[in-house]
């Protein structure tokens, strides 16, 4: 299992330059520029969110991801300003094995917590502070068995 670590912001790795030509389409069908400082990609990935002192992570799903953070939905509401650990499960599509994944293990801050809708749980906007990439099959390394520290380079 390979691990890539970093202490730079997530923005430095997931550059928006690669997505500079992408525009959001509004409800009226016209192209709109993204007003935020980085483009949000609509990615629905599994997210395992761990709170300080919790014995098991909460399982949720991302709605979008940017170079600065992510928005996810959980069944439990978290506290504004809370620091969390999160494993974002990225499918690699390299093999026919659905368990072949890349994990983005990150430390993040909850910037916004809101009801996601009737019966949908709670939406959380989180800013990524630090991360590491873990390459390996999910069956070989479930989130609870993966390293819990992030080493800086």
N, C-alpha and C. Protein backbone atom coordinates (compact mmCIF):
# COMPACT_ATOMS: atom_id res chain seq x y z
N UNK A 1 0.85 -1.17 0.00
CA UNK A 1 0.00 0.00 0.00
C UNK A 1 0.89 1.22 0.00
N UNK A 2 0.68 2.13 -0.93
CA UNK A 2 1.47 3.34 -1.00
C UNK A 2 0.79 4.50 -0.31
N UNK A 3 1.57 5.35 0.31
CA UNK A 3 1.03 6.53 0.99
C UNK A 3 1.78 7.76 0.51
N UNK A 4 1.05 8.77 0.10
CA UNK A 4 1.62 10.05 -0.29
C UNK A 4 1.11 11.07 0.71
N UNK A 5 2.00 11.81 1.33
CA UNK A 5 1.57 12.78 2.33
C UNK A 5 1.94 14.18 1.90
N UNK A 6 1.32 15.15 2.55
CA UNK A 6 1.65 16.53 2.24
C UNK A 6 1.16 17.45 3.33
N UNK A 7 1.85 18.54 3.54
CA UNK A 7 1.39 19.52 4.51
C UNK A 7 0.96 20.80 3.82
N UNK A 8 0.99 20.81 2.49
CA UNK A 8 0.50 21.97 1.76
C UNK A 8 -1.01 21.87 1.65
N UNK A 9 -1.64 22.92 1.27
CA UNK A 9 -3.09 22.88 1.15
C UNK A 9 -3.47 21.93 0.03
N UNK A 10 -4.66 21.39 0.15
CA UNK A 10 -5.18 20.50 -0.86
C UNK A 10 -5.24 21.22 -2.21
N UNK A 11 -5.38 22.54 -2.16
CA UNK A 11 -5.48 23.35 -3.37
C UNK A 11 -4.24 23.21 -4.24
N UNK A 12 -3.10 23.04 -3.62
CA UNK A 12 -1.86 22.94 -4.38
C UNK A 12 -1.79 21.66 -5.19
N UNK A 13 -2.50 20.63 -4.77
CA UNK A 13 -2.47 19.36 -5.48
C UNK A 13 -3.57 19.23 -6.52
N UNK A 14 -4.79 19.66 -6.20
CA UNK A 14 -5.91 19.55 -7.12
C UNK A 14 -6.10 20.92 -7.75
N UNK A 15 -5.26 21.23 -8.72
CA UNK A 15 -5.23 22.56 -9.32
C UNK A 15 -6.47 22.81 -10.16
N UNK A 16 -7.05 23.97 -9.99
CA UNK A 16 -8.21 24.33 -10.79
C UNK A 16 -7.81 24.68 -12.22
N UNK A 17 -6.51 24.85 -12.49
CA UNK A 17 -6.07 25.14 -13.84
C UNK A 17 -6.52 24.04 -14.82
N UNK A 18 -6.54 22.81 -14.35
CA UNK A 18 -6.94 21.70 -15.19
C UNK A 18 -8.41 21.81 -15.59
N UNK A 19 -9.19 22.56 -14.81
CA UNK A 19 -10.62 22.67 -15.05
C UNK A 19 -11.01 24.09 -15.46
N UNK A 20 -10.05 24.88 -15.93
CA UNK A 20 -10.28 26.29 -16.21
C UNK A 20 -11.38 26.52 -17.24
N UNK A 21 -11.55 25.61 -18.20
CA UNK A 21 -12.55 25.79 -19.23
C UNK A 21 -13.95 25.35 -18.83
N UNK A 22 -14.11 24.78 -17.68
CA UNK A 22 -15.41 24.28 -17.24
C UNK A 22 -16.24 25.43 -16.69
N UNK A 23 -17.47 25.49 -17.12
CA UNK A 23 -18.41 26.49 -16.64
C UNK A 23 -19.64 25.79 -16.11
N UNK A 24 -20.26 26.40 -15.13
CA UNK A 24 -21.48 25.86 -14.57
C UNK A 24 -22.64 26.35 -15.43
N UNK A 25 -23.64 25.49 -15.63
CA UNK A 25 -24.83 25.87 -16.38
C UNK A 25 -25.93 26.18 -15.38
N UNK A 26 -26.51 27.38 -15.50
CA UNK A 26 -27.58 27.81 -14.61
C UNK A 26 -28.90 27.18 -14.99
N UNK A 27 -29.93 27.44 -14.17
CA UNK A 27 -31.26 26.91 -14.42
C UNK A 27 -31.83 27.40 -15.73
N UNK A 28 -31.38 28.56 -16.20
CA UNK A 28 -31.87 29.10 -17.46
C UNK A 28 -31.14 28.51 -18.67
N UNK A 29 -30.19 27.61 -18.43
CA UNK A 29 -29.46 26.96 -19.51
C UNK A 29 -28.24 27.71 -20.00
N UNK A 30 -27.98 28.89 -19.45
CA UNK A 30 -26.82 29.69 -19.87
C UNK A 30 -25.61 29.38 -18.99
N UNK A 31 -24.44 29.44 -19.61
CA UNK A 31 -23.20 29.18 -18.86
C UNK A 31 -22.97 30.29 -17.84
N UNK A 32 -22.52 29.89 -16.66
CA UNK A 32 -22.21 30.83 -15.60
C UNK A 32 -20.81 30.54 -15.10
N UNK A 33 -20.08 31.58 -14.72
CA UNK A 33 -18.78 31.38 -14.11
C UNK A 33 -18.98 31.02 -12.64
N UNK A 34 -18.11 30.20 -12.13
CA UNK A 34 -18.15 29.84 -10.71
C UNK A 34 -17.68 31.05 -9.91
N UNK A 35 -18.45 31.46 -8.91
CA UNK A 35 -18.12 32.65 -8.12
C UNK A 35 -17.16 32.33 -6.98
N UNK A 36 -17.04 31.09 -6.61
CA UNK A 36 -16.15 30.73 -5.50
C UNK A 36 -14.70 30.74 -5.98
N UNK A 37 -13.77 30.64 -5.02
CA UNK A 37 -12.36 30.74 -5.39
C UNK A 37 -11.83 29.50 -6.09
N UNK A 38 -12.57 28.40 -6.04
CA UNK A 38 -12.17 27.21 -6.78
C UNK A 38 -13.41 26.48 -7.28
N UNK A 39 -13.25 25.80 -8.37
CA UNK A 39 -14.33 25.07 -9.01
C UNK A 39 -14.76 23.89 -8.15
N UNK A 40 -16.04 23.69 -8.02
CA UNK A 40 -16.58 22.53 -7.31
C UNK A 40 -16.97 21.48 -8.33
N UNK A 41 -16.48 20.26 -8.15
CA UNK A 41 -16.82 19.16 -9.05
C UNK A 41 -17.90 18.31 -8.39
N UNK A 42 -18.96 17.98 -9.11
CA UNK A 42 -20.05 17.18 -8.53
C UNK A 42 -19.65 15.70 -8.45
N UNK A 43 -19.05 15.32 -7.35
CA UNK A 43 -18.58 13.95 -7.16
C UNK A 43 -19.29 13.32 -5.97
N UNK A 44 -19.87 12.17 -6.19
CA UNK A 44 -20.55 11.46 -5.11
C UNK A 44 -19.71 10.27 -4.68
N UNK A 45 -18.83 10.54 -3.73
CA UNK A 45 -17.93 9.53 -3.21
C UNK A 45 -18.32 9.21 -1.77
N UNK A 46 -18.04 8.00 -1.35
CA UNK A 46 -18.28 7.60 0.03
C UNK A 46 -17.30 8.36 0.94
N UNK A 47 -17.81 8.83 2.08
CA UNK A 47 -16.97 9.56 3.03
C UNK A 47 -17.13 8.94 4.41
N UNK A 48 -16.03 8.66 5.08
CA UNK A 48 -16.03 8.18 6.45
C UNK A 48 -15.50 9.30 7.33
N UNK A 49 -16.37 9.89 8.13
CA UNK A 49 -16.04 11.05 8.95
C UNK A 49 -15.88 10.62 10.40
N UNK A 50 -14.74 10.97 11.00
CA UNK A 50 -14.46 10.62 12.40
C UNK A 50 -14.38 11.88 13.24
N UNK A 51 -15.09 11.85 14.35
CA UNK A 51 -15.04 12.95 15.33
C UNK A 51 -14.04 12.59 16.42
N UNK A 52 -13.52 13.59 17.09
CA UNK A 52 -12.60 13.36 18.21
C UNK A 52 -13.30 12.51 19.27
N UNK A 53 -12.66 11.46 19.71
CA UNK A 53 -13.19 10.60 20.76
C UNK A 53 -14.20 9.57 20.32
N UNK A 54 -14.60 9.57 19.06
CA UNK A 54 -15.58 8.60 18.56
C UNK A 54 -14.90 7.26 18.32
N UNK A 55 -15.65 6.18 18.53
CA UNK A 55 -15.09 4.84 18.31
C UNK A 55 -15.26 4.36 16.88
N UNK A 56 -16.27 4.86 16.18
CA UNK A 56 -16.52 4.45 14.80
C UNK A 56 -16.79 5.68 13.93
N UNK A 57 -16.35 5.65 12.68
CA UNK A 57 -16.63 6.79 11.80
C UNK A 57 -18.09 6.80 11.36
N UNK A 58 -18.56 7.99 10.99
CA UNK A 58 -19.88 8.15 10.41
C UNK A 58 -19.73 7.99 8.90
N UNK A 59 -20.66 7.28 8.29
CA UNK A 59 -20.58 7.07 6.84
C UNK A 59 -21.53 8.03 6.15
N UNK A 60 -21.02 8.71 5.13
CA UNK A 60 -21.83 9.65 4.37
C UNK A 60 -21.42 9.62 2.92
N UNK A 61 -21.87 10.64 2.18
CA UNK A 61 -21.55 10.73 0.76
C UNK A 61 -21.28 12.18 0.40
N UNK A 62 -20.22 12.39 -0.38
CA UNK A 62 -19.94 13.74 -0.84
C UNK A 62 -20.94 14.14 -1.91
N UNK A 63 -21.18 15.43 -1.99
CA UNK A 63 -22.01 15.99 -3.07
C UNK A 63 -21.11 16.70 -4.08
N UNK A 64 -20.07 17.36 -3.54
CA UNK A 64 -19.10 18.00 -4.42
C UNK A 64 -17.77 18.14 -3.70
N UNK A 65 -16.74 18.37 -4.51
CA UNK A 65 -15.36 18.47 -4.02
C UNK A 65 -14.66 19.58 -4.78
N UNK A 66 -13.88 20.36 -4.06
CA UNK A 66 -13.06 21.39 -4.70
C UNK A 66 -11.63 21.23 -4.21
N UNK A 67 -10.77 22.09 -4.67
CA UNK A 67 -9.37 22.04 -4.23
C UNK A 67 -9.20 22.54 -2.80
N UNK A 68 -10.23 23.11 -2.21
CA UNK A 68 -10.15 23.63 -0.85
C UNK A 68 -10.98 22.84 0.15
N UNK A 69 -11.91 22.03 -0.31
CA UNK A 69 -12.75 21.31 0.62
C UNK A 69 -13.81 20.47 -0.07
N UNK A 70 -14.82 20.09 0.70
CA UNK A 70 -15.88 19.25 0.16
C UNK A 70 -17.18 19.52 0.89
N UNK A 71 -18.27 19.09 0.27
CA UNK A 71 -19.59 19.16 0.89
C UNK A 71 -20.10 17.73 0.92
N UNK A 72 -20.53 17.28 2.10
CA UNK A 72 -21.02 15.92 2.22
C UNK A 72 -22.31 15.90 3.04
N UNK A 73 -23.00 14.78 2.96
CA UNK A 73 -24.24 14.58 3.71
C UNK A 73 -24.05 13.40 4.65
N UNK A 74 -24.38 13.62 5.94
CA UNK A 74 -24.31 12.59 6.97
C UNK A 74 -25.67 12.48 7.65
N UNK A 75 -25.88 11.38 8.36
CA UNK A 75 -27.12 11.22 9.14
C UNK A 75 -27.07 11.97 10.46
N UNK A 76 -25.89 12.41 10.86
CA UNK A 76 -25.70 13.10 12.14
C UNK A 76 -25.13 14.49 11.89
N UNK A 77 -25.63 15.47 12.62
CA UNK A 77 -25.15 16.84 12.46
C UNK A 77 -23.87 17.03 13.28
N UNK A 78 -22.91 17.73 12.71
CA UNK A 78 -21.68 18.06 13.42
C UNK A 78 -21.72 19.53 13.82
N UNK A 79 -20.76 19.94 14.63
CA UNK A 79 -20.72 21.28 15.18
C UNK A 79 -19.89 22.21 14.30
N UNK A 80 -20.38 23.41 14.09
CA UNK A 80 -19.66 24.42 13.36
C UNK A 80 -18.29 24.63 14.02
N UNK A 81 -17.23 24.60 13.25
CA UNK A 81 -15.88 24.77 13.77
C UNK A 81 -15.23 23.49 14.26
N UNK A 82 -15.95 22.39 14.24
CA UNK A 82 -15.40 21.11 14.71
C UNK A 82 -14.33 20.61 13.74
N UNK A 83 -13.24 20.07 14.30
CA UNK A 83 -12.17 19.48 13.49
C UNK A 83 -12.48 18.00 13.35
N UNK A 84 -12.43 17.51 12.12
CA UNK A 84 -12.76 16.12 11.84
C UNK A 84 -11.64 15.46 11.04
N UNK A 85 -11.64 14.14 11.07
CA UNK A 85 -10.80 13.34 10.18
C UNK A 85 -11.75 12.69 9.19
N UNK A 86 -11.33 12.59 7.95
CA UNK A 86 -12.24 12.06 6.94
C UNK A 86 -11.46 11.23 5.93
N UNK A 87 -12.03 10.09 5.55
CA UNK A 87 -11.52 9.29 4.46
C UNK A 87 -12.50 9.41 3.31
N UNK A 88 -12.06 10.01 2.20
CA UNK A 88 -12.87 10.09 1.00
C UNK A 88 -12.45 8.94 0.10
N UNK A 89 -13.39 8.08 -0.27
CA UNK A 89 -13.09 6.87 -1.04
C UNK A 89 -13.25 7.19 -2.52
N UNK A 90 -12.13 7.17 -3.24
CA UNK A 90 -12.10 7.52 -4.66
C UNK A 90 -11.99 6.24 -5.48
N UNK A 91 -13.00 5.94 -6.29
CA UNK A 91 -12.87 4.75 -7.16
C UNK A 91 -11.79 5.00 -8.21
N UNK A 92 -10.94 4.01 -8.46
CA UNK A 92 -9.84 4.22 -9.40
C UNK A 92 -10.20 3.84 -10.83
N UNK A 93 -11.13 2.93 -11.01
CA UNK A 93 -11.53 2.46 -12.34
C UNK A 93 -10.35 1.90 -13.11
N UNK A 94 -9.31 1.46 -12.39
CA UNK A 94 -8.14 0.90 -13.05
C UNK A 94 -8.36 -0.58 -13.36
N UNK A 95 -9.00 -1.28 -12.46
CA UNK A 95 -9.24 -2.70 -12.65
C UNK A 95 -10.73 -2.98 -12.60
N UNK A 96 -11.07 -4.22 -12.77
CA UNK A 96 -12.48 -4.62 -12.68
C UNK A 96 -12.88 -4.90 -11.22
N UNK A 97 -11.93 -4.75 -10.32
CA UNK A 97 -12.19 -4.97 -8.90
C UNK A 97 -12.79 -3.70 -8.30
N UNK A 98 -14.05 -3.76 -7.86
CA UNK A 98 -14.72 -2.59 -7.32
C UNK A 98 -14.12 -2.14 -5.98
N UNK A 99 -13.31 -3.00 -5.37
CA UNK A 99 -12.66 -2.64 -4.11
C UNK A 99 -11.35 -1.90 -4.33
N UNK A 100 -10.92 -1.76 -5.57
CA UNK A 100 -9.68 -1.06 -5.87
C UNK A 100 -9.95 0.45 -5.79
N UNK A 101 -9.46 1.07 -4.73
CA UNK A 101 -9.76 2.48 -4.47
C UNK A 101 -8.50 3.26 -4.08
N UNK A 102 -8.65 4.56 -4.10
CA UNK A 102 -7.66 5.49 -3.57
C UNK A 102 -8.38 6.23 -2.45
N UNK A 103 -7.74 6.38 -1.32
CA UNK A 103 -8.33 7.13 -0.21
C UNK A 103 -7.65 8.48 -0.08
N UNK A 104 -8.45 9.50 0.09
CA UNK A 104 -7.93 10.81 0.47
C UNK A 104 -8.23 10.91 1.96
N UNK A 105 -7.21 10.73 2.78
CA UNK A 105 -7.38 10.86 4.23
C UNK A 105 -7.05 12.30 4.58
N UNK A 106 -8.01 13.00 5.16
CA UNK A 106 -7.78 14.41 5.42
C UNK A 106 -8.23 14.84 6.81
N UNK A 107 -7.64 15.93 7.24
CA UNK A 107 -8.08 16.65 8.44
C UNK A 107 -8.83 17.85 7.90
N UNK A 108 -10.00 18.12 8.46
CA UNK A 108 -10.81 19.21 7.94
C UNK A 108 -11.55 19.92 9.06
N UNK A 109 -12.07 21.09 8.74
CA UNK A 109 -12.87 21.89 9.66
C UNK A 109 -14.29 22.00 9.10
N UNK A 110 -15.28 21.88 9.97
CA UNK A 110 -16.67 22.05 9.56
C UNK A 110 -16.95 23.56 9.48
N UNK A 111 -17.23 24.04 8.26
CA UNK A 111 -17.51 25.46 8.05
C UNK A 111 -19.00 25.77 8.10
N UNK A 112 -19.81 24.79 7.71
CA UNK A 112 -21.25 24.98 7.70
C UNK A 112 -21.92 23.65 7.93
N UNK A 113 -22.99 23.65 8.74
CA UNK A 113 -23.79 22.46 8.99
C UNK A 113 -25.25 22.87 8.87
N UNK A 114 -26.01 22.13 8.05
CA UNK A 114 -27.39 22.51 7.77
C UNK A 114 -28.22 21.28 7.46
N UNK A 115 -29.54 21.35 7.67
CA UNK A 115 -30.39 20.24 7.24
C UNK A 115 -30.28 20.09 5.72
N UNK A 116 -30.11 18.86 5.25
CA UNK A 116 -29.92 18.62 3.81
C UNK A 116 -31.24 18.49 3.08
N UNK A 117 -32.31 18.30 3.81
CA UNK A 117 -33.62 18.11 3.20
C UNK A 117 -34.37 17.05 3.99
N UNK A 118 -35.64 16.94 3.74
CA UNK A 118 -36.47 15.99 4.47
C UNK A 118 -35.95 14.56 4.26
N UNK A 119 -35.59 13.91 5.35
CA UNK A 119 -35.11 12.54 5.30
C UNK A 119 -33.72 12.35 4.71
N UNK A 120 -33.00 13.43 4.43
CA UNK A 120 -31.68 13.32 3.81
C UNK A 120 -30.52 13.49 4.78
N UNK A 121 -30.77 13.85 6.01
CA UNK A 121 -29.69 14.05 6.97
C UNK A 121 -29.23 15.49 7.01
N UNK A 122 -27.93 15.67 7.19
CA UNK A 122 -27.35 17.01 7.37
C UNK A 122 -26.23 17.24 6.36
N UNK A 123 -26.22 18.42 5.79
CA UNK A 123 -25.16 18.79 4.86
C UNK A 123 -24.05 19.50 5.60
N UNK A 124 -22.82 19.14 5.28
CA UNK A 124 -21.65 19.73 5.92
C UNK A 124 -20.69 20.28 4.87
N UNK A 125 -20.35 21.55 5.00
CA UNK A 125 -19.31 22.14 4.17
C UNK A 125 -18.03 22.10 5.00
N UNK A 126 -17.00 21.47 4.45
CA UNK A 126 -15.75 21.27 5.20
C UNK A 126 -14.56 21.80 4.41
N UNK A 127 -13.65 22.45 5.12
CA UNK A 127 -12.41 22.96 4.53
C UNK A 127 -11.28 22.00 4.86
N UNK A 128 -10.58 21.51 3.84
CA UNK A 128 -9.48 20.58 4.03
C UNK A 128 -8.25 21.34 4.52
N UNK A 129 -7.68 20.84 5.62
CA UNK A 129 -6.50 21.46 6.21
C UNK A 129 -5.23 20.71 5.82
N UNK A 130 -5.28 19.40 5.86
CA UNK A 130 -4.12 18.55 5.56
C UNK A 130 -4.65 17.24 5.03
N UNK A 131 -3.84 16.49 4.32
CA UNK A 131 -4.30 15.25 3.71
C UNK A 131 -3.15 14.31 3.44
N UNK A 132 -3.49 13.09 3.15
CA UNK A 132 -2.56 12.14 2.56
C UNK A 132 -3.35 11.24 1.63
N UNK A 133 -2.70 10.73 0.61
CA UNK A 133 -3.33 9.81 -0.34
C UNK A 133 -2.88 8.41 -0.01
N UNK A 134 -3.82 7.50 0.06
CA UNK A 134 -3.51 6.11 0.38
C UNK A 134 -4.00 5.25 -0.77
N UNK A 135 -3.09 4.55 -1.40
CA UNK A 135 -3.42 3.71 -2.54
C UNK A 135 -3.48 2.26 -2.08
N UNK A 136 -4.60 1.63 -2.28
CA UNK A 136 -4.73 0.23 -1.90
C UNK A 136 -6.15 -0.24 -2.03
N UNK A 137 -6.35 -1.54 -2.06
CA UNK A 137 -7.68 -2.12 -2.17
C UNK A 137 -8.42 -1.94 -0.86
N UNK A 138 -9.68 -1.54 -0.95
CA UNK A 138 -10.49 -1.31 0.25
C UNK A 138 -10.62 -2.59 1.07
N UNK A 139 -10.66 -3.74 0.39
CA UNK A 139 -10.78 -5.00 1.11
C UNK A 139 -9.55 -5.30 1.95
N UNK A 140 -8.39 -4.80 1.51
CA UNK A 140 -7.14 -5.02 2.25
C UNK A 140 -6.95 -4.02 3.37
N UNK A 141 -7.56 -2.85 3.25
CA UNK A 141 -7.32 -1.79 4.24
C UNK A 141 -8.59 -0.97 4.47
N UNK A 142 -9.51 -1.49 5.28
CA UNK A 142 -10.70 -0.69 5.59
C UNK A 142 -10.29 0.56 6.35
N UNK A 143 -11.12 1.62 6.32
CA UNK A 143 -10.75 2.89 6.96
C UNK A 143 -10.29 2.74 8.40
N UNK A 144 -10.87 1.81 9.16
CA UNK A 144 -10.48 1.65 10.56
C UNK A 144 -9.09 1.04 10.71
N UNK A 145 -8.59 0.41 9.65
CA UNK A 145 -7.28 -0.25 9.74
C UNK A 145 -6.15 0.58 9.13
N UNK A 146 -6.49 1.69 8.52
CA UNK A 146 -5.49 2.50 7.86
C UNK A 146 -4.75 3.38 8.87
N UNK A 147 -3.56 3.87 8.51
CA UNK A 147 -2.80 4.70 9.45
C UNK A 147 -3.61 5.90 9.90
N UNK A 148 -3.45 6.28 11.17
CA UNK A 148 -4.24 7.38 11.70
C UNK A 148 -3.45 8.67 11.77
N UNK A 149 -2.19 8.66 11.43
CA UNK A 149 -1.40 9.89 11.48
C UNK A 149 -1.05 10.33 10.07
N UNK A 150 -0.89 11.61 9.91
CA UNK A 150 -0.48 12.16 8.63
C UNK A 150 0.89 12.75 8.81
N UNK A 151 1.87 12.21 8.11
CA UNK A 151 3.23 12.72 8.21
C UNK A 151 3.44 13.81 7.17
N UNK A 152 4.07 14.86 7.55
CA UNK A 152 4.36 15.94 6.62
C UNK A 152 5.66 15.67 5.90
N UNK A 153 5.75 16.17 4.67
CA UNK A 153 6.99 15.99 3.89
C UNK A 153 7.80 17.27 3.91
